[in-house]
C-alpha cells in the first residue's frame, strides 16, 4: 500500500503554506520524506535547490521541524535543552548561549530559562519545541500539526507565535486538520487526500473560486412549508420556522438574489431582515475531499 502517490509540490521562499488533509491522508508521510525521517521509494526532494539525497547535511541545516510529539527531556532546564540542540548543528557553546537567549526571548521563554521543562504549561512546551527547531536559523520551518490535541485558547496563542515567525523571513509549511488554523494564518493551501494532492492554490483565490454565500432571510411570520413558487431556489427552513436560507455561488449574478427576494414578496411572505455569510475554507475542504473519495 502506498502512503503517497506521485505527489508534486513546490513551496516558494517566504511562503506560508498549509497542507490540509484528513487523518491518514499522507500529511505526516510527506513531512517525513522532506525531513528524511521516512525513506521514499522514488522521486526527489530539494530544499532551496539542495537535493537531500546528494547533500543531506547541507539540506538539513536549512530545515527546522516541529514534530507533533514533545521530544525533549522533561527534567532538563529550558535553556539547556536549546543549547544542546544547537550543538547538534555544530554551533559552539560560546555561540549557542547568546543565540539561545535571543531565541527564547523571541518566543517569550527567557524568564523560564532555568525552569525544568516539565513545569511549563502546554503552550510553553510547544514554544520550546519551536525554539529547538529555530536555534540553527533554518530557512524552512515545518510545523507538523503543532496544535493537535490542544484546546482552542492554546491554539490561538500558537497562531500568534507562528505569525511572528514570518517577520524574521522564515518559510513555513504547516500540516493540520484544523481548517480554521489554515484559514487564519496561511497564504497558500494544498489539500491532500489518500496520498494525492488534490489542489494547491492561494487561500483567497481558492475561497473566491469555490466559495459560496448563504443568504438568510428572516420573516415576520412563522413558516412551516416553503411555497411552491419558491421551491426552485432549494431553500431551507430554519429551526425557528421563521427564516429561510438560500445558498448561491459567488459567481452568480446579483439578479438571482433579486429574483428570490421578489418571489418571496410575491408569495405573500413578509421580510423582517436578511444577511449574507460567505463560506469558509472548511466547507471547501469538505467538498474537495468528498469529490475525491
Protein backbone atom coordinates (compact mmCIF):
# COMPACT_ATOMS: atom_id res chain seq x y z
CA UNK A 1 0.00 0.00 0.00
CA UNK A 2 1.33 3.44 -0.95
CA UNK A 3 1.29 6.25 1.57
CA UNK A 4 1.79 8.80 -1.22
CA UNK A 5 1.01 8.52 -4.90
CA UNK A 6 3.30 10.63 -7.08
CA UNK A 7 2.72 13.98 -5.43
CA UNK A 8 4.29 17.09 -6.95
CA UNK A 9 4.54 20.02 -4.57
CA UNK A 10 6.51 23.27 -4.66
CA UNK A 11 6.68 25.75 -1.78
CA UNK A 12 8.25 29.09 -2.63
CA UNK A 13 10.70 31.02 -0.48
CA UNK A 14 8.83 33.20 2.00
CA UNK A 15 5.64 31.19 1.60
CA UNK A 16 3.33 30.31 4.47
CA UNK A 17 1.93 27.06 3.11
CA UNK A 18 -0.71 24.90 4.80
CA UNK A 19 -1.06 21.25 3.84
CA UNK A 20 -4.56 20.12 4.73
CA UNK A 21 -5.99 16.65 4.82
CA UNK A 22 -7.99 14.23 6.96
CA UNK A 23 -6.22 11.78 9.26
CA UNK A 24 -4.30 9.24 7.20
CA UNK A 25 -4.29 11.42 4.07
CA UNK A 26 -0.49 11.49 3.79
CA UNK A 27 0.44 14.75 5.52
CA UNK A 28 2.91 13.26 8.00
CA UNK A 29 4.37 10.95 5.35
CA UNK A 30 5.07 13.98 3.16
CA UNK A 31 6.78 15.80 6.03
CA UNK A 32 8.68 12.65 6.97
CA UNK A 33 10.11 12.35 3.47
CA UNK A 34 11.11 16.03 3.31
CA UNK A 35 12.92 15.71 6.64
CA UNK A 36 14.39 12.26 5.75
CA UNK A 37 12.60 10.58 8.65
CA UNK A 38 10.72 8.44 6.13
CA UNK A 39 12.51 6.69 3.24
CA UNK A 40 10.99 7.47 -0.13
CA UNK A 41 10.87 4.81 -2.83
CA UNK A 42 11.11 7.22 -5.75
CA UNK A 43 11.25 10.87 -6.71
CA UNK A 44 13.37 13.70 -5.38
CA UNK A 45 13.21 16.36 -2.67
CA UNK A 46 15.04 19.67 -2.83
CA UNK A 47 15.29 22.21 -0.03
CA UNK A 48 16.27 25.55 -1.57
CA UNK A 49 17.73 23.70 -4.59
CA UNK A 50 19.74 21.27 -2.42
CA UNK A 51 18.86 17.65 -3.13
CA UNK A 52 18.50 15.76 0.16
CA UNK A 53 19.99 12.63 -1.43
CA UNK A 54 23.05 14.44 -2.72
CA UNK A 55 23.86 16.67 0.26
CA UNK A 56 21.67 15.79 3.21
CA UNK A 57 23.79 17.62 5.80
CA UNK A 58 23.53 20.94 3.96
CA UNK A 59 19.82 20.44 3.31
CA UNK A 60 19.29 19.61 6.99
CA UNK A 61 20.92 22.89 8.05
CA UNK A 62 18.26 24.79 6.14
CA UNK A 63 15.42 22.84 7.76
CA UNK A 64 13.76 23.01 11.16
CA UNK A 65 11.00 20.59 12.17
CA UNK A 66 8.47 20.91 14.96
CA UNK A 67 7.01 17.43 15.41
CA UNK A 68 3.62 16.53 16.83
CA UNK A 69 5.04 14.85 19.91
CA UNK A 70 7.11 16.51 22.64
CA UNK A 71 10.71 15.42 22.06
CA UNK A 72 12.79 16.81 24.91
CA UNK A 73 13.62 15.62 28.42
CA UNK A 74 11.09 16.97 30.94
CA UNK A 75 13.81 17.11 33.60
CA UNK A 76 16.22 19.35 31.69
CA UNK A 77 16.20 23.11 32.03
CA UNK A 78 14.70 25.11 29.18
CA UNK A 79 17.95 26.89 28.34
CA UNK A 80 19.98 23.66 28.40
CA UNK A 81 17.57 21.95 26.02
CA UNK A 82 18.03 24.62 23.38
CA UNK A 83 21.82 24.88 23.85
CA UNK A 84 22.13 21.11 23.45
CA UNK A 85 20.08 21.26 20.27
CA UNK A 86 22.43 23.92 18.90
CA UNK A 87 25.35 21.57 19.45
CA UNK A 88 23.79 19.03 17.06
CA UNK A 89 24.29 21.59 14.30
CA UNK A 90 27.92 22.30 15.14
CA UNK A 91 27.21 25.56 16.96
CA UNK A 92 29.85 26.11 19.63
CA UNK A 93 28.89 26.70 23.26
CA UNK A 94 30.13 30.30 23.08
CA UNK A 95 27.83 30.96 20.14
CA UNK A 96 24.94 28.85 21.37
CA UNK A 97 24.38 30.75 24.60
CA UNK A 98 23.63 34.18 23.08
CA UNK A 99 21.66 32.58 20.23
CA UNK A 100 19.59 30.71 22.80
CA UNK A 101 18.90 33.92 24.68
CA UNK A 102 17.72 35.63 21.50
CA UNK A 103 15.52 32.70 20.52
CA UNK A 104 13.95 32.26 23.95
CA UNK A 105 13.23 35.98 24.21
CA UNK A 106 11.58 35.95 20.81
CA UNK A 107 9.27 33.15 21.92
CA UNK A 108 8.55 34.54 25.38
CA UNK A 109 10.52 31.83 27.19
CA UNK A 110 13.51 33.72 28.56
CA UNK A 111 12.05 34.17 32.04
CA UNK A 112 11.52 30.38 32.16
CA UNK A 113 15.08 29.55 31.08
CA UNK A 114 16.03 27.97 34.44
CA UNK A 115 12.80 26.00 34.81
CA UNK A 116 12.64 22.27 34.21
CA UNK A 117 10.65 21.64 31.06
CA UNK A 118 8.11 19.54 32.94
CA UNK A 119 6.99 22.65 34.83
CA UNK A 120 5.99 24.50 31.66
CA UNK A 121 2.39 24.86 30.56
CA UNK A 122 1.27 23.08 27.41
CA UNK A 123 1.60 26.26 25.38
CA UNK A 124 5.11 26.98 26.61
CA UNK A 125 6.19 23.42 25.85
CA UNK A 126 5.05 23.96 22.26
CA UNK A 127 7.05 27.19 22.14
CA UNK A 128 10.09 25.32 23.41
CA UNK A 129 9.68 22.86 20.53
CA UNK A 130 9.76 25.81 18.13
CA UNK A 131 12.82 27.25 19.89
CA UNK A 132 14.66 23.98 19.34
CA UNK A 133 13.72 24.00 15.66
CA UNK A 134 14.85 27.61 15.17
CA UNK A 135 18.17 27.61 17.04
CA UNK A 136 20.26 26.92 13.92
CA UNK A 137 18.47 29.64 11.88
CA UNK A 138 16.74 27.39 9.33
CA UNK A 139 15.28 28.96 6.21
CA UNK A 140 12.40 26.46 6.17
CA UNK A 141 10.34 25.58 9.25
CA UNK A 142 7.96 22.63 9.18
CA UNK A 143 5.17 22.56 11.74
CA UNK A 144 3.62 19.08 11.78
CA UNK A 145 0.21 19.53 13.39
CA UNK A 146 1.67 21.74 16.14
CA UNK A 147 -1.68 22.28 17.87
CA UNK A 148 -3.03 18.73 17.67
CA UNK A 149 -4.92 17.83 20.82
CA UNK A 150 -4.74 21.27 22.43
CA UNK A 151 -7.67 23.48 23.37
CA UNK A 152 -8.91 26.41 21.30
CA UNK A 153 -7.34 29.06 23.54
CA UNK A 154 -3.90 27.46 23.32
CA UNK A 155 -4.32 27.01 19.58
CA UNK A 156 -4.96 30.73 19.13
CA UNK A 157 -1.92 31.53 21.26
CA UNK A 158 0.20 29.35 18.99
CA UNK A 159 -1.16 31.13 15.93
CA UNK A 160 0.24 34.40 17.24
CA UNK A 161 3.65 32.80 17.77
CA UNK A 162 3.69 31.27 14.29
CA UNK A 163 2.62 34.54 12.66
CA UNK A 164 5.54 36.31 14.36
CA UNK A 165 8.00 33.93 12.67
CA UNK A 166 7.16 35.46 9.31
CA UNK A 167 8.70 38.70 10.50
CA UNK A 168 12.14 37.06 10.52
CA UNK A 169 11.72 35.72 6.97
CA UNK A 170 11.16 32.03 7.70
CA UNK A 171 9.40 29.94 5.05
CA UNK A 172 6.76 27.83 6.78
CA UNK A 173 4.99 24.59 5.93
CA UNK A 174 2.13 23.79 8.27
CA UNK A 175 0.29 20.47 8.28
CA UNK A 176 -3.03 20.48 10.03
CA UNK A 177 -6.53 19.05 10.01
CA UNK A 178 -7.85 22.13 11.81
CA UNK A 179 -9.24 24.06 8.86
CA UNK A 180 -9.65 27.27 10.83
CA UNK A 181 -5.91 27.14 11.52
CA UNK A 182 -5.05 27.30 7.82
CA UNK A 183 -7.70 29.92 7.21
CA UNK A 184 -6.29 32.10 9.97
CA UNK A 185 -2.57 32.05 9.21
CA UNK A 186 -1.69 30.55 5.80
CA UNK A 187 -1.15 32.25 2.42
CA UNK A 188 -1.34 29.20 0.20
CA UNK A 189 -3.21 25.96 0.76
CA UNK A 190 -2.72 22.44 -0.54
CA UNK A 191 -5.25 19.68 0.04
CA UNK A 192 -4.07 16.07 0.21
CA UNK A 193 -6.30 13.00 0.34
CA UNK A 194 -5.48 9.32 0.02
CA UNK A 195 -1.86 10.15 -0.77
CA UNK A 196 -2.66 12.51 -3.64
CA UNK A 197 -2.50 16.30 -3.86
CA UNK A 198 -5.98 17.42 -4.91
CA UNK A 199 -5.34 21.13 -5.28
CA UNK A 200 -2.77 23.83 -4.48
CA UNK A 201 -3.99 27.41 -4.53
CA UNK A 202 -3.70 30.80 -2.91
CA UNK A 203 -6.09 30.72 0.03
CA UNK A 204 -8.01 33.83 -1.05
CA UNK A 205 -8.26 32.61 -4.64
CA UNK A 206 -9.47 29.18 -3.53
CA UNK A 207 -12.24 30.71 -1.46
CA UNK A 208 -13.11 33.04 -4.35
CA UNK A 209 -13.22 30.22 -6.92
CA UNK A 210 -15.02 27.57 -4.90
CA UNK A 211 -16.77 29.59 -2.28
CA UNK A 212 -20.43 30.39 -1.95
CA UNK A 213 -22.61 32.61 0.15
CA UNK A 214 -25.64 31.82 2.26
CA UNK A 215 -28.43 34.36 2.23
CA UNK A 216 -30.53 34.11 5.39
CA UNK A 217 -33.96 35.68 5.24
CA UNK A 218 -35.83 36.32 8.48
CA UNK A 219 -39.59 36.53 8.13
CA UNK A 220 -42.17 38.38 10.16
CA UNK A 221 -44.47 35.38 10.46
CA UNK A 222 -43.94 31.69 11.13
CA UNK A 223 -43.38 29.44 8.11
CA UNK A 224 -43.87 25.66 8.21
CA UNK A 225 -43.71 24.89 4.50
CA UNK A 226 -41.97 26.51 1.53
CA UNK A 227 -44.45 27.84 -1.05
CA UNK A 228 -44.37 26.07 -4.44
CA UNK A 229 -43.25 29.27 -6.16
CA UNK A 230 -40.05 29.27 -4.08
CA UNK A 231 -39.07 25.60 -4.28
CA UNK A 232 -36.84 26.23 -7.33
CA UNK A 233 -34.38 28.03 -5.01
CA UNK A 234 -33.68 24.99 -2.79
CA UNK A 235 -34.46 26.99 0.32
CA UNK A 236 -34.06 25.58 3.82
CA UNK A 237 -36.45 26.49 6.62
CA UNK A 238 -34.63 27.45 9.80
CA UNK A 239 -35.16 25.63 13.09
CA UNK A 240 -37.19 28.53 14.45
CA UNK A 241 -39.53 28.19 11.45
CA UNK A 242 -39.24 31.91 10.81
CA UNK A 243 -36.26 32.01 8.49
CA UNK A 244 -35.14 30.78 5.09
CA UNK A 245 -31.58 30.00 3.94
CA UNK A 246 -30.51 30.20 0.30
CA UNK A 247 -27.04 29.11 -0.85
CA UNK A 248 -25.65 30.67 -4.01
CA UNK A 249 -22.29 30.70 -5.79
CA UNK A 250 -20.12 33.79 -5.55
CA UNK A 251 -20.08 33.87 -9.37
CA UNK A 252 -23.87 34.00 -9.52
CA UNK A 253 -25.25 37.32 -10.68
CA UNK A 254 -26.93 39.55 -8.16
CA UNK A 255 -30.15 39.21 -10.14
CA UNK A 256 -30.50 35.70 -8.72
CA UNK A 257 -30.89 37.17 -5.25
CA UNK A 258 -33.07 39.99 -6.56
CA UNK A 259 -35.41 37.46 -8.15
CA UNK A 260 -35.52 35.44 -4.95
CA UNK A 261 -36.49 38.45 -2.85
CA UNK A 262 -39.16 39.47 -5.36
CA UNK A 263 -40.60 35.95 -5.41
CA UNK A 264 -40.67 35.88 -1.61
CA UNK A 265 -42.64 39.12 -1.67
CA UNK A 266 -45.00 37.84 -4.39
CA UNK A 267 -45.66 34.68 -2.37
CA UNK A 268 -47.17 36.78 0.40
CA UNK A 269 -44.31 36.32 2.88
CA UNK A 270 -43.15 39.43 4.70
CA UNK A 271 -39.44 40.10 5.21
CA UNK A 272 -38.10 41.15 8.59
CA UNK A 273 -34.33 41.01 7.97
CA UNK A 274 -31.72 39.42 5.72
CA UNK A 275 -27.97 38.83 5.86
CA UNK A 276 -25.28 37.04 3.85
CA UNK A 277 -22.48 34.85 5.13
CA UNK A 278 -19.54 33.79 2.96
CA UNK A 279 -18.46 30.16 3.05
CA UNK A 280 -15.16 29.37 4.74
CA UNK A 281 -12.25 27.13 3.88
CA UNK A 282 -13.71 24.25 5.88
CA UNK A 283 -16.73 23.91 3.59
CA UNK A 284 -14.49 23.99 0.53
CA UNK A 285 -12.18 21.37 2.09
CA UNK A 286 -15.10 19.03 2.82
CA UNK A 287 -16.35 19.40 -0.74
CA UNK A 288 -12.93 18.64 -2.24
CA UNK A 289 -12.38 15.56 -0.10
CA UNK A 290 -15.86 14.18 -0.85
CA UNK A 291 -15.32 14.65 -4.58
CA UNK A 292 -12.04 12.72 -4.44
CA UNK A 293 -13.11 9.75 -2.31
